[in-house]
Protein backbone atom coordinates (compact mmCIF):
# COMPACT_ATOMS: atom_id res chain seq x y z
CA MET A 1 12.32 -15.47 2.29
CA ASN A 2 11.44 -16.05 -1.34
CA GLU A 3 11.50 -19.11 -3.49
CA ASN A 4 12.13 -18.31 -7.12
CA THR A 5 11.50 -21.21 -9.43
CA ASN A 6 13.11 -19.99 -12.62
CA ASP A 7 14.30 -23.54 -13.24
CA SER A 8 11.79 -25.94 -11.72
CA SER A 9 14.44 -28.66 -11.53
CA ASN A 10 16.62 -26.52 -9.28
CA PRO A 11 14.56 -23.86 -7.45
CA VAL A 12 16.31 -20.95 -5.76
CA LEU A 13 15.78 -19.72 -2.22
CA THR A 14 16.46 -16.04 -1.65
CA PHE A 15 17.06 -15.38 2.03
CA GLU A 16 18.47 -12.18 3.49
CA GLY A 17 19.71 -11.04 0.11
CA LYS A 18 21.52 -14.27 -0.74
CA LYS A 19 20.48 -16.95 -3.21
CA TYR A 20 20.73 -20.66 -2.59
CA PHE A 21 19.91 -23.61 -4.83
CA ILE A 22 17.40 -25.61 -2.80
CA ASN A 23 18.52 -28.93 -4.27
CA GLU A 24 22.02 -28.27 -2.92
CA LEU A 25 20.84 -27.68 0.66
CA SER A 26 20.86 -30.33 3.35
CA ASN A 27 17.64 -32.09 4.32
CA GLU A 28 17.82 -30.36 7.70
CA ILE A 29 17.84 -26.95 6.03
CA LYS A 30 15.04 -27.96 3.66
CA GLU A 31 12.97 -29.01 6.68
CA SER A 32 13.69 -25.66 8.35
CA ILE A 33 12.47 -23.90 5.20
CA LYS A 34 9.23 -25.92 5.25
CA VAL A 35 8.64 -25.16 8.92
CA LEU A 36 9.30 -21.46 8.34
CA GLN A 37 6.84 -21.45 5.42
CA ILE A 38 4.20 -23.08 7.64
CA ALA A 39 4.83 -20.49 10.36
CA GLU A 40 4.48 -17.65 7.84
CA THR A 41 1.22 -19.14 6.53
CA GLN A 42 -0.14 -19.46 10.06
CA LEU A 43 0.82 -15.87 10.87
CA LYS A 44 -0.96 -14.63 7.76
CA MET A 45 -4.06 -16.64 8.63
CA HIS A 46 -4.14 -15.24 12.18
CA GLU A 47 -3.54 -11.69 10.95
CA ASP A 48 -6.54 -12.09 8.64
CA THR A 49 -8.60 -13.47 11.53
CA LEU A 50 -7.67 -10.46 13.68
CA LYS A 51 -8.73 -8.10 10.90
CA LEU A 52 -12.11 -9.83 10.63
CA LEU A 53 -12.59 -9.72 14.39
CA SER A 54 -11.75 -6.03 14.43
CA ILE A 55 -14.27 -5.31 11.65
CA SER A 56 -16.90 -7.36 13.49
CA ARG A 57 -16.22 -5.54 16.76
CA ASN A 58 -16.55 -2.17 15.05
CA THR A 59 -19.80 -3.23 13.41
CA LEU A 60 -21.21 -4.42 16.73
CA ALA A 61 -20.16 -1.19 18.44
CA ASN A 62 -21.86 0.84 15.70
CA GLN A 63 -25.05 -1.20 16.08
CA LEU A 64 -24.99 -0.69 19.85
CA ARG A 65 -24.41 3.05 19.37
CA GLU A 66 -27.46 3.28 17.09
CA LYS A 67 -29.64 1.34 19.53
CA LEU A 68 -28.57 3.53 22.43
CA LYS A 69 -29.31 6.68 20.44
CA LYS A 70 -32.91 5.54 20.14
CA LEU A 71 -33.17 5.44 23.95
CA GLY A 72 -32.50 9.11 24.16
């Protein structure tokens, strides 16, 4: 889903290869677009959080590995 705003007075939604003038869509469809955008934003945020957790886990595992090496 892409929103192209070539003409800011009548932005275009590109969805599954088709283009739609947002101003010509029903309020119900516009609301669905907003909800979908929120869902996509939330997914991106959680994907980023998972990446940070994975990096942190790897760092902690490396620190533990180094500490255990010192024990012999």
